[in-house]
Amino acid sequence: MTDFMLRTDTEAQMDDALEAAEILVEKDVGDGELVLMLVPNCALDRIGPIWPVLDEDGKVIRSGDPRFHANLRVAFELTQEQVDALPTFTPEPGIPYRVWA
């Protein structure tokens, strides 16, 4: 299994990147209605924006990040083109907001 931490400015950009990486694909669910679905053997945790943590006086303890975040876990080998299409970022956080159990 391989895990990726992803970040884009918006959720729509995240979906576009995951489509480009062929992780999200359009499926016809009947009557011509298309929905985006994950390919088999992967999981996506849509985190969204990370809000700041404030103390009881309203002072910022940990800053937030208004961009859209997600964690991706794949149980198959991605091509280099797929990896390159993923919106990964550096440096990765020392203490991630959420991780896989």
PDB file of N, CA and C in Angstrom:
ATOM      1  N   MET A   1       0.825  -1.174   0.000  1.00  0.00           N
ATOM      2  CA  MET A   1       0.000   0.000   0.000  1.00  0.00           C
ATOM      3  C   MET A   1       0.874   1.244   0.000  1.00  0.00           C
ATOM      4  N   THR A   2       0.385   2.248  -0.696  1.00  0.00           N
ATOM      5  CA  THR A   2       1.090   3.524  -0.753  1.00  0.00           C
ATOM      6  C   THR A   2       0.118   4.633  -0.379  1.00  0.00           C
ATOM      7  N   ASP A   3       0.578   5.542   0.467  1.00  0.00           N
ATOM      8  CA  ASP A   3      -0.237   6.669   0.909  1.00  0.00           C
ATOM      9  C   ASP A   3       0.302   7.965   0.327  1.00  0.00           C
ATOM     10  N   PHE A   4      -0.620   8.863  -0.022  1.00  0.00           N
ATOM     11  CA  PHE A   4      -0.266  10.173  -0.542  1.00  0.00           C
ATOM     12  C   PHE A   4      -1.063  11.224   0.208  1.00  0.00           C
ATOM     13  N   MET A   5      -0.387  12.313   0.618  1.00  0.00           N
ATOM     14  CA  MET A   5      -1.065  13.486   1.156  1.00  0.00           C
ATOM     15  C   MET A   5      -1.203  14.475   0.002  1.00  0.00           C
ATOM     16  N   LEU A   6      -2.437  14.945  -0.225  1.00  0.00           N
ATOM     17  CA  LEU A   6      -2.731  15.783  -1.385  1.00  0.00           C
ATOM     18  C   LEU A   6      -3.261  17.139  -0.944  1.00  0.00           C
ATOM     19  N   ARG A   7      -3.007  18.164  -1.785  1.00  0.00           N
ATOM     20  CA  ARG A   7      -3.510  19.495  -1.469  1.00  0.00           C
ATOM     21  C   ARG A   7      -3.729  20.275  -2.766  1.00  0.00           C
ATOM     22  N   THR A   8      -4.890  20.926  -2.859  1.00  0.00           N
ATOM     23  CA  THR A   8      -5.213  21.827  -3.958  1.00  0.00           C
ATOM     24  C   THR A   8      -5.915  23.050  -3.370  1.00  0.00           C
ATOM     25  N   ASP A   9      -6.161  24.037  -4.205  1.00  0.00           N
ATOM     26  CA  ASP A   9      -6.865  25.229  -3.724  1.00  0.00           C
ATOM     27  C   ASP A   9      -8.341  24.956  -3.482  1.00  0.00           C
ATOM     28  N   THR A  10      -8.955  24.074  -4.293  1.00  0.00           N
ATOM     29  CA  THR A  10     -10.390  23.803  -4.179  1.00  0.00           C
ATOM     30  C   THR A  10     -10.664  22.313  -4.315  1.00  0.00           C
ATOM     31  N   GLU A  11     -11.860  21.912  -3.899  1.00  0.00           N
ATOM     32  CA  GLU A  11     -12.260  20.512  -4.057  1.00  0.00           C
ATOM     33  C   GLU A  11     -12.377  20.147  -5.531  1.00  0.00           C
ATOM     34  N   ALA A  12     -12.859  21.077  -6.347  1.00  0.00           N
ATOM     35  CA  ALA A  12     -12.976  20.812  -7.792  1.00  0.00           C
ATOM     36  C   ALA A  12     -11.604  20.544  -8.411  1.00  0.00           C
ATOM     37  N   GLN A  13     -10.584  21.291  -7.987  1.00  0.00           N
ATOM     38  CA  GLN A  13      -9.229  21.041  -8.479  1.00  0.00           C
ATOM     39  C   GLN A  13      -8.734  19.668  -8.031  1.00  0.00           C
ATOM     40  N   MET A  14      -9.112  19.252  -6.818  1.00  0.00           N
ATOM     41  CA  MET A  14      -8.729  17.929  -6.327  1.00  0.00           C
ATOM     42  C   MET A  14      -9.339  16.855  -7.227  1.00  0.00           C
ATOM     43  N   ASP A  15     -10.637  16.996  -7.514  1.00  0.00           N
ATOM     44  CA  ASP A  15     -11.295  16.020  -8.385  1.00  0.00           C
ATOM     45  C   ASP A  15     -10.651  15.990  -9.761  1.00  0.00           C
ATOM     46  N   ASP A  16     -10.325  17.162 -10.312  1.00  0.00           N
ATOM     47  CA  ASP A  16      -9.672  17.220 -11.623  1.00  0.00           C
ATOM     48  C   ASP A  16      -8.335  16.481 -11.607  1.00  0.00           C
ATOM     49  N   ALA A  17      -7.554  16.687 -10.548  1.00  0.00           N
ATOM     50  CA  ALA A  17      -6.254  16.026 -10.439  1.00  0.00           C
ATOM     51  C   ALA A  17      -6.418  14.514 -10.299  1.00  0.00           C
ATOM     52  N   LEU A  18      -7.394  14.086  -9.504  1.00  0.00           N
ATOM     53  CA  LEU A  18      -7.625  12.648  -9.319  1.00  0.00           C
ATOM     54  C   LEU A  18      -8.148  12.006 -10.601  1.00  0.00           C
ATOM     55  N   GLU A  19      -8.916  12.753 -11.377  1.00  0.00           N
ATOM     56  CA  GLU A  19      -9.331  12.248 -12.690  1.00  0.00           C
ATOM     57  C   GLU A  19      -8.123  12.131 -13.623  1.00  0.00           C
ATOM     58  N   ALA A  20      -7.259  13.137 -13.620  1.00  0.00           N
ATOM     59  CA  ALA A  20      -6.065  13.103 -14.459  1.00  0.00           C
ATOM     60  C   ALA A  20      -5.168  11.927 -14.101  1.00  0.00           C
ATOM     61  N   ALA A  21      -5.143  11.576 -12.807  1.00  0.00           N
ATOM     62  CA  ALA A  21      -4.338  10.443 -12.339  1.00  0.00           C
ATOM     63  C   ALA A  21      -5.071   9.113 -12.499  1.00  0.00           C
ATOM     64  N   GLU A  22      -6.287   9.162 -13.038  1.00  0.00           N
ATOM     65  CA  GLU A  22      -7.120   7.969 -13.261  1.00  0.00           C
ATOM     66  C   GLU A  22      -7.432   7.240 -11.960  1.00  0.00           C
ATOM     67  N   ILE A  23      -7.610   8.017 -10.881  1.00  0.00           N
ATOM     68  CA  ILE A  23      -8.039   7.482  -9.589  1.00  0.00           C
ATOM     69  C   ILE A  23      -9.547   7.651  -9.453  1.00  0.00           C
ATOM     70  N   LEU A  24     -10.067   8.754  -9.946  1.00  0.00           N
ATOM     71  CA  LEU A  24     -11.509   8.976 -10.065  1.00  0.00           C
ATOM     72  C   LEU A  24     -11.877   8.805 -11.531  1.00  0.00           C
ATOM     73  N   VAL A  25     -12.918   8.022 -11.781  1.00  0.00           N
ATOM     74  CA  VAL A  25     -13.373   7.809 -13.158  1.00  0.00           C
ATOM     75  C   VAL A  25     -14.883   8.015 -13.223  1.00  0.00           C
ATOM     76  N   GLU A  26     -15.362   8.439 -14.380  1.00  0.00           N
ATOM     77  CA  GLU A  26     -16.798   8.616 -14.571  1.00  0.00           C
ATOM     78  C   GLU A  26     -17.442   7.265 -14.819  1.00  0.00           C
ATOM     79  N   LYS A  27     -18.530   7.011 -14.126  1.00  0.00           N
ATOM     80  CA  LYS A  27     -19.308   5.785 -14.308  1.00  0.00           C
ATOM     81  C   LYS A  27     -20.745   6.173 -14.606  1.00  0.00           C
ATOM     82  N   ASP A  28     -21.342   5.450 -15.529  1.00  0.00           N
ATOM     83  CA  ASP A  28     -22.748   5.655 -15.860  1.00  0.00           C
ATOM     84  C   ASP A  28     -23.574   4.837 -14.872  1.00  0.00           C
ATOM     85  N   VAL A  29     -24.403   5.525 -14.080  1.00  0.00           N
ATOM     86  CA  VAL A  29     -25.231   4.838 -13.094  1.00  0.00           C
ATOM     87  C   VAL A  29     -26.654   4.621 -13.610  1.00  0.00           C
ATOM     88  N   GLY A  30     -26.853   4.802 -14.889  1.00  0.00           N
ATOM     89  CA  GLY A  30     -28.148   4.575 -15.499  1.00  0.00           C
ATOM     90  C   GLY A  30     -28.779   5.868 -15.980  1.00  0.00           C
ATOM     91  N   ASP A  31     -29.568   5.760 -17.018  1.00  0.00           N
ATOM     92  CA  ASP A  31     -30.256   6.907 -17.611  1.00  0.00           C
ATOM     93  C   ASP A  31     -29.285   8.010 -18.020  1.00  0.00           C
ATOM     94  N   GLY A  32     -28.044   7.642 -18.340  1.00  0.00           N
ATOM     95  CA  GLY A  32     -27.062   8.610 -18.794  1.00  0.00           C
ATOM     96  C   GLY A  32     -26.463   9.465 -17.693  1.00  0.00           C
ATOM     97  N   GLU A  33     -26.810   9.182 -16.432  1.00  0.00           N
ATOM     98  CA  GLU A  33     -26.258   9.956 -15.326  1.00  0.00           C
ATOM     99  C   GLU A  33     -24.850   9.464 -15.013  1.00  0.00           C
ATOM    100  N   LEU A  34     -23.891  10.385 -15.074  1.00  0.00           N
ATOM    101  CA  LEU A  34     -22.498  10.054 -14.806  1.00  0.00           C
ATOM    102  C   LEU A  34     -22.107  10.558 -13.425  1.00  0.00           C
ATOM    103  N   VAL A  35     -21.401   9.714 -12.677  1.00  0.00           N
ATOM    104  CA  VAL A  35     -20.874  10.108 -11.371  1.00  0.00           C
ATOM    105  C   VAL A  35     -19.400   9.745 -11.323  1.00  0.00           C
ATOM    106  N   LEU A  36     -18.656  10.478 -10.507  1.00  0.00           N
ATOM    107  CA  LEU A  36     -17.252  10.165 -10.296  1.00  0.00           C
ATOM    108  C   LEU A  36     -17.135   9.117  -9.201  1.00  0.00           C
ATOM    109  N   MET A  37     -16.384   8.057  -9.504  1.00  0.00           N
ATOM    110  CA  MET A  37     -16.192   6.979  -8.527  1.00  0.00           C
ATOM    111  C   MET A  37     -14.711   6.635  -8.454  1.00  0.00           C
ATOM    112  N   LEU A  38     -14.291   6.213  -7.273  1.00  0.00           N
ATOM    113  CA  LEU A  38     -12.919   5.737  -7.106  1.00  0.00           C
ATOM    114  C   LEU A  38     -12.734   4.417  -7.828  1.00  0.00           C
ATOM    115  N   VAL A  39     -11.548   4.212  -8.361  1.00  0.00           N
ATOM    116  CA  VAL A  39     -11.232   2.909  -8.931  1.00  0.00           C
ATOM    117  C   VAL A  39     -11.091   1.916  -7.780  1.00  0.00           C
ATOM    118  N   PRO A  40     -11.234   0.631  -8.054  1.00  0.00           N
ATOM    119  CA  PRO A  40     -11.102  -0.364  -6.983  1.00  0.00           C
ATOM    120  C   PRO A  40      -9.711  -0.342  -6.340  1.00  0.00           C
ATOM    121  N   ASN A  41      -9.656  -0.794  -5.110  1.00  0.00           N
ATOM    122  CA  ASN A  41      -8.418  -0.960  -4.344  1.00  0.00           C
ATOM    123  C   ASN A  41      -7.735   0.352  -3.987  1.00  0.00           C
ATOM    124  N   CYS A  42      -8.543   1.385  -3.768  1.00  0.00           N
ATOM    125  CA  CYS A  42      -7.991   2.619  -3.231  1.00  0.00           C
ATOM    126  C   CYS A  42      -9.028   3.262  -2.316  1.00  0.00           C
ATOM    127  N   ALA A  43      -8.548   4.125  -1.446  1.00  0.00           N
ATOM    128  CA  ALA A  43      -9.428   4.829  -0.519  1.00  0.00           C
ATOM    129  C   ALA A  43      -9.034   6.299  -0.517  1.00  0.00           C
ATOM    130  N   LEU A  44     -10.030   7.163  -0.387  1.00  0.00           N
ATOM    131  CA  LEU A  44      -9.801   8.599  -0.388  1.00  0.00           C
ATOM    132  C   LEU A  44     -10.448   9.201   0.847  1.00  0.00           C
ATOM    133  N   ASP A  45      -9.660   9.903   1.634  1.00  0.00           N
ATOM    134  CA  ASP A  45     -10.151  10.614   2.813  1.00  0.00           C
ATOM    135  C   ASP A  45     -10.141  12.102   2.475  1.00  0.00           C
ATOM    136  N   ARG A  46     -11.335  12.661   2.224  1.00  0.00           N
ATOM    137  CA  ARG A  46     -11.465  14.080   1.891  1.00  0.00           C
ATOM    138  C   ARG A  46     -11.476  14.876   3.192  1.00  0.00           C
ATOM    139  N   ILE A  47     -10.404  15.577   3.441  1.00  0.00           N
ATOM    140  CA  ILE A  47     -10.278  16.339   4.685  1.00  0.00           C
ATOM    141  C   ILE A  47     -10.861  17.739   4.516  1.00  0.00           C
ATOM    142  N   GLY A  48     -10.580  18.377   3.393  1.00  0.00           N
ATOM    143  CA  GLY A  48     -11.031  19.742   3.168  1.00  0.00           C
ATOM    144  C   GLY A  48     -10.070  20.729   3.791  1.00  0.00           C
ATOM    145  N   PRO A  49     -10.546  21.943   4.094  1.00  0.00           N
ATOM    146  CA  PRO A  49      -9.681  22.928   4.743  1.00  0.00           C
ATOM    147  C   PRO A  49      -9.333  22.490   6.168  1.00  0.00           C
ATOM    148  N   ILE A  50      -8.189  22.927   6.628  1.00  0.00           N
ATOM    149  CA  ILE A  50      -7.777  22.653   8.005  1.00  0.00           C
ATOM    150  C   ILE A  50      -7.910  23.964   8.771  1.00  0.00           C
ATOM    151  N   TRP A  51      -8.775  23.954   9.761  1.00  0.00           N
ATOM    152  CA  TRP A  51      -9.079  25.168  10.506  1.00  0.00           C
ATOM    153  C   TRP A  51      -8.058  25.397  11.599  1.00  0.00           C
ATOM    154  N   PRO A  52      -7.793  26.654  11.943  1.00  0.00           N
ATOM    155  CA  PRO A  52      -6.834  26.926  13.021  1.00  0.00           C
ATOM    156  C   PRO A  52      -7.369  26.443  14.362  1.00  0.00           C
ATOM    157  N   VAL A  53      -6.459  26.120  15.265  1.00  0.00           N
ATOM    158  CA  VAL A  53      -6.822  25.740  16.630  1.00  0.00           C
ATOM    159  C   VAL A  53      -6.576  26.953  17.511  1.00  0.00           C
ATOM    160  N   LEU A  54      -7.604  27.342  18.257  1.00  0.00           N
ATOM    161  CA  LEU A  54      -7.522  28.519  19.120  1.00  0.00           C
ATOM    162  C   LEU A  54      -7.576  28.105  20.586  1.00  0.00           C
ATOM    163  N   ASP A  55      -6.918  28.893  21.439  1.00  0.00           N
ATOM    164  CA  ASP A  55      -7.050  28.632  22.866  1.00  0.00           C
ATOM    165  C   ASP A  55      -8.314  29.319  23.377  1.00  0.00           C
ATOM    166  N   GLU A  56      -8.560  29.236  24.663  1.00  0.00           N
ATOM    167  CA  GLU A  56      -9.797  29.779  25.237  1.00  0.00           C
ATOM    168  C   GLU A  56      -9.894  31.298  25.117  1.00  0.00           C
ATOM    169  N   ASP A  57      -8.757  31.963  24.894  1.00  0.00           N
ATOM    170  CA  ASP A  57      -8.762  33.413  24.712  1.00  0.00           C
ATOM    171  C   ASP A  57      -8.828  33.815  23.239  1.00  0.00           C
ATOM    172  N   GLY A  58      -8.923  32.831  22.363  1.00  0.00           N
ATOM    173  CA  GLY A  58      -9.003  33.113  20.935  1.00  0.00           C
ATOM    174  C   GLY A  58      -7.665  33.287  20.252  1.00  0.00           C
ATOM    175  N   LYS A  59      -6.583  32.985  20.949  1.00  0.00           N
ATOM    176  CA  LYS A  59      -5.257  33.068  20.343  1.00  0.00           C
ATOM    177  C   LYS A  59      -4.973  31.795  19.558  1.00  0.00           C
ATOM    178  N   VAL A  60      -4.304  31.961  18.447  1.00  0.00           N
ATOM    179  CA  VAL A  60      -4.002  30.819  17.575  1.00  0.00           C
ATOM    180  C   VAL A  60      -2.911  29.962  18.216  1.00  0.00           C
ATOM    181  N   ILE A  61      -3.260  28.691  18.446  1.00  0.00           N
ATOM    182  CA  ILE A  61      -2.295  27.712  18.959  1.00  0.00           C
ATOM    183  C   ILE A  61      -1.605  27.034  17.780  1.00  0.00           C
ATOM    184  N   ARG A  62      -2.407  26.684  16.774  1.00  0.00           N
ATOM    185  CA  ARG A  62      -1.889  26.052  15.548  1.00  0.00           C
ATOM    186  C   ARG A  62      -2.607  26.694  14.379  1.00  0.00           C
ATOM    187  N   SER A  63      -1.831  27.190  13.428  1.00  0.00           N
ATOM    188  CA  SER A  63      -2.440  27.853  12.274  1.00  0.00           C
ATOM    189  C   SER A  63      -3.149  26.839  11.393  1.00  0.00           C
ATOM    190  N   GLY A  64      -4.089  27.320  10.632  1.00  0.00           N
ATOM    191  CA  GLY A  64      -4.833  26.468   9.713  1.00  0.00           C
ATOM    192  C   GLY A  64      -4.327  26.629   8.293  1.00  0.00           C
ATOM    193  N   ASP A  65      -5.021  25.994   7.377  1.00  0.00           N
ATOM    194  CA  ASP A  65      -4.705  26.088   5.954  1.00  0.00           C
ATOM    195  C   ASP A  65      -6.028  25.981   5.197  1.00  0.00           C
ATOM    196  N   PRO A  66      -6.467  27.064   4.524  1.00  0.00           N
ATOM    197  CA  PRO A  66      -7.779  27.063   3.881  1.00  0.00           C
ATOM    198  C   PRO A  66      -7.864  26.236   2.604  1.00  0.00           C
ATOM    199  N   ARG A  67      -6.748  25.697   2.141  1.00  0.00           N
ATOM    200  CA  ARG A  67      -6.774  24.893   0.914  1.00  0.00           C
ATOM    201  C   ARG A  67      -7.442  23.540   1.171  1.00  0.00           C
ATOM    202  N   PHE A  68      -7.763  22.809   0.090  1.00  0.00           N
ATOM    203  CA  PHE A  68      -8.448  21.527   0.197  1.00  0.00           C
ATOM    204  C   PHE A  68      -7.415  20.411   0.329  1.00  0.00           C
ATOM    205  N   HIS A  69      -7.568  19.593   1.363  1.00  0.00           N
ATOM    206  CA  HIS A  69      -6.639  18.493   1.652  1.00  0.00           C
ATOM    207  C   HIS A  69      -7.355  17.146   1.518  1.00  0.00           C
ATOM    208  N   ALA A  70      -6.583  16.138   1.154  1.00  0.00           N
ATOM    209  CA  ALA A  70      -7.104  14.765   1.093  1.00  0.00           C
ATOM    210  C   ALA A  70      -5.944  13.799   1.283  1.00  0.00           C
ATOM    211  N   ASN A  71      -6.276  12.625   1.774  1.00  0.00           N
ATOM    212  CA  ASN A  71      -5.318  11.524   1.861  1.00  0.00           C
ATOM    213  C   ASN A  71      -5.787  10.428   0.918  1.00  0.00           C
ATOM    214  N   LEU A  72      -4.844   9.885   0.177  1.00  0.00           N
ATOM    215  CA  LEU A  72      -5.138   8.816  -0.774  1.00  0.00           C
ATOM    216  C   LEU A  72      -4.313   7.592  -0.404  1.00  0.00           C
ATOM    217  N   ARG A  73      -4.954   6.432  -0.364  1.00  0.00           N
ATOM    218  CA  ARG A  73      -4.256   5.163  -0.144  1.00  0.00           C
ATOM    219  C   ARG A  73      -4.570   4.261  -1.327  1.00  0.00           C
ATOM    220  N   VAL A  74      -3.535   3.738  -1.959  1.00  0.00           N
ATOM    221  CA  VAL A  74      -3.723   2.820  -3.081  1.00  0.00           C
ATOM    222  C   VAL A  74      -3.055   1.489  -2.763  1.00  0.00           C
ATOM    223  N   ALA A  75      -3.712   0.423  -3.170  1.00  0.00           N
ATOM    224  CA  ALA A  75      -3.201  -0.924  -2.918  1.00  0.00           C
ATOM    225  C   ALA A  75      -2.724  -1.569  -4.220  1.00  0.00           C
ATOM    226  N   PHE A  76      -2.267  -0.733  -5.144  1.00  0.00           N
ATOM    227  CA  PHE A  76      -1.727  -1.209  -6.408  1.00  0.00           C
ATOM    228  C   PHE A  76      -0.649  -0.229  -6.851  1.00  0.00           C
ATOM    229  N   GLU A  77       0.142  -0.639  -7.811  1.00  0.00           N
ATOM    230  CA  GLU A  77       1.239   0.195  -8.301  1.00  0.00           C
ATOM    231  C   GLU A  77       0.711   1.247  -9.263  1.00  0.00           C
ATOM    232  N   LEU A  78       1.038   2.510  -8.989  1.00  0.00           N
ATOM    233  CA  LEU A  78       0.691   3.596  -9.898  1.00  0.00           C
ATOM    234  C   LEU A  78       1.805   3.766 -10.918  1.00  0.00           C
ATOM    235  N   THR A  79       1.444   4.208 -12.109  1.00  0.00           N
ATOM    236  CA  THR A  79       2.464   4.565 -13.091  1.00  0.00           C
ATOM    237  C   THR A  79       3.094   5.886 -12.676  1.00  0.00           C
ATOM    238  N   GLN A  80       4.244   6.186 -13.228  1.00  0.00           N
ATOM    239  CA  GLN A  80       4.889   7.466 -12.918  1.00  0.00           C
ATOM    240  C   GLN A  80       4.016   8.629 -13.368  1.00  0.00           C
ATOM    241  N   GLU A  81       3.294   8.463 -14.466  1.00  0.00           N
ATOM    242  CA  GLU A  81       2.396   9.518 -14.949  1.00  0.00           C
ATOM    243  C   GLU A  81       1.268   9.770 -13.957  1.00  0.00           C
ATOM    244  N   GLN A  82       0.742   8.707 -13.347  1.00  0.00           N
ATOM    245  CA  GLN A  82      -0.298   8.873 -12.340  1.00  0.00           C
ATOM    246  C   GLN A  82       0.243   9.598 -11.112  1.00  0.00           C
ATOM    247  N   VAL A  83       1.410   9.201 -10.652  1.00  0.00           N
ATOM    248  CA  VAL A  83       2.023   9.838  -9.492  1.00  0.00           C
ATOM    249  C   VAL A  83       2.272  11.316  -9.783  1.00  0.00           C
ATOM    250  N   ASP A  84       2.765  11.616 -10.979  1.00  0.00           N
ATOM    251  CA  ASP A  84       3.050  12.999 -11.346  1.00  0.00           C
ATOM    252  C   ASP A  84       1.784  13.846 -11.401  1.00  0.00           C
ATOM    253  N   ALA A  85       0.628  13.242 -11.685  1.00  0.00           N
ATOM    254  CA  ALA A  85      -0.637  13.978 -11.764  1.00  0.00           C
ATOM    255  C   ALA A  85      -1.227  14.273 -10.390  1.00  0.00           C
ATOM    256  N   LEU A  86      -0.760  13.568  -9.359  1.00  0.00           N
ATOM    257  CA  LEU A  86      -1.300  13.781  -8.017  1.00  0.00           C
ATOM    258  C   LEU A  86      -0.769  15.093  -7.429  1.00  0.00           C
ATOM    259  N   PRO A  87      -1.640  15.864  -6.767  1.00  0.00           N
ATOM    260  CA  PRO A  87      -1.208  17.142  -6.193  1.00  0.00           C
ATOM    261  C   PRO A  87      -0.563  16.972  -4.812  1.00  0.00           C
ATOM    262  N   THR A  88       0.557  16.248  -4.794  1.00  0.00           N
ATOM    263  CA  THR A  88       1.300  16.083  -3.546  1.00  0.00           C
ATOM    264  C   THR A  88       2.026  17.388  -3.237  1.00  0.00           C
ATOM    265  N   PHE A  89       2.561  17.496  -2.039  1.00  0.00           N
ATOM    266  CA  PHE A  89       3.235  18.730  -1.659  1.00  0.00           C
ATOM    267  C   PHE A  89       4.391  18.426  -0.718  1.00  0.00           C
ATOM    268  N   THR A  90       5.318  19.362  -0.667  1.00  0.00           N
ATOM    269  CA  THR A  90       6.441  19.261   0.256  1.00  0.00           C
ATOM    270  C   THR A  90       6.637  20.616   0.916  1.00  0.00           C
ATOM    271  N   PRO A  91       7.115  20.642   2.108  1.00  0.00           N
ATOM    272  CA  PRO A  91       7.390  19.458   2.918  1.00  0.00           C
ATOM    273  C   PRO A  91       6.089  18.889   3.475  1.00  0.00           C
ATOM    274  N   GLU A  92       6.094  17.590   3.707  1.00  0.00           N
ATOM    275  CA  GLU A  92       4.941  16.975   4.362  1.00  0.00           C
ATOM    276  C   GLU A  92       4.918  17.428   5.816  1.00  0.00           C
ATOM    277  N   PRO A  93       3.731  17.520   6.401  1.00  0.00           N
ATOM    278  CA  PRO A  93       3.660  17.977   7.787  1.00  0.00           C
ATOM    279  C   PRO A  93       4.331  16.996   8.747  1.00  0.00           C
ATOM    280  N   GLY A  94       4.989  17.553   9.765  1.00  0.00           N
ATOM    281  CA  GLY A  94       5.612  16.708  10.786  1.00  0.00           C
ATOM    282  C   GLY A  94       4.572  15.954  11.594  1.00  0.00           C
ATOM    283  N   ILE A  95       3.442  16.621  11.840  1.00  0.00           N
ATOM    284  CA  ILE A  95       2.321  15.996  12.538  1.00  0.00           C
ATOM    285  C   ILE A  95       1.103  16.151  11.634  1.00  0.00           C
ATOM    286  N   PRO A  96       0.783  15.121  10.839  1.00  0.00           N
ATOM    287  CA  PRO A  96      -0.346  15.225   9.916  1.00  0.00           C
ATOM    288  C   PRO A  96      -1.670  15.440  10.663  1.00  0.00           C
ATOM    289  N   TYR A  97      -2.589  16.130   9.998  1.00  0.00           N
ATOM    290  CA  TYR A  97      -3.903  16.405  10.560  1.00  0.00           C
ATOM    291  C   TYR A  97      -4.685  15.111  10.779  1.00  0.00           C
ATOM    292  N   ARG A  98      -4.666  14.229   9.764  1.00  0.00           N
ATOM    293  CA  ARG A  98      -5.291  12.893   9.873  1.00  0.00           C
ATOM    294  C   ARG A  98      -4.412  11.903   9.131  1.00  0.00           C
ATOM    295  N   VAL A  99      -4.379  10.677   9.628  1.00  0.00           N
ATOM    296  CA  VAL A  99      -3.615   9.602   8.991  1.00  0.00           C
ATOM    297  C   VAL A  99      -4.480   8.344   8.944  1.00  0.00           C
ATOM    298  N   TRP A 100      -4.063   7.404   8.147  1.00  0.00           N
ATOM    299  CA  TRP A 100      -4.764   6.113   8.078  1.00  0.00           C
ATOM    300  C   TRP A 100      -4.472   5.317   9.335  1.00  0.00           C
ATOM    301  N   ALA A 101      -5.463   4.590   9.818  1.00  0.00           N
ATOM    302  CA  ALA A 101      -5.268   3.753  11.010  1.00  0.00           C
ATOM    303  C   ALA A 101      -4.588   2.460  10.643  1.00  0.00           C
TER     304      ALA A 101
END
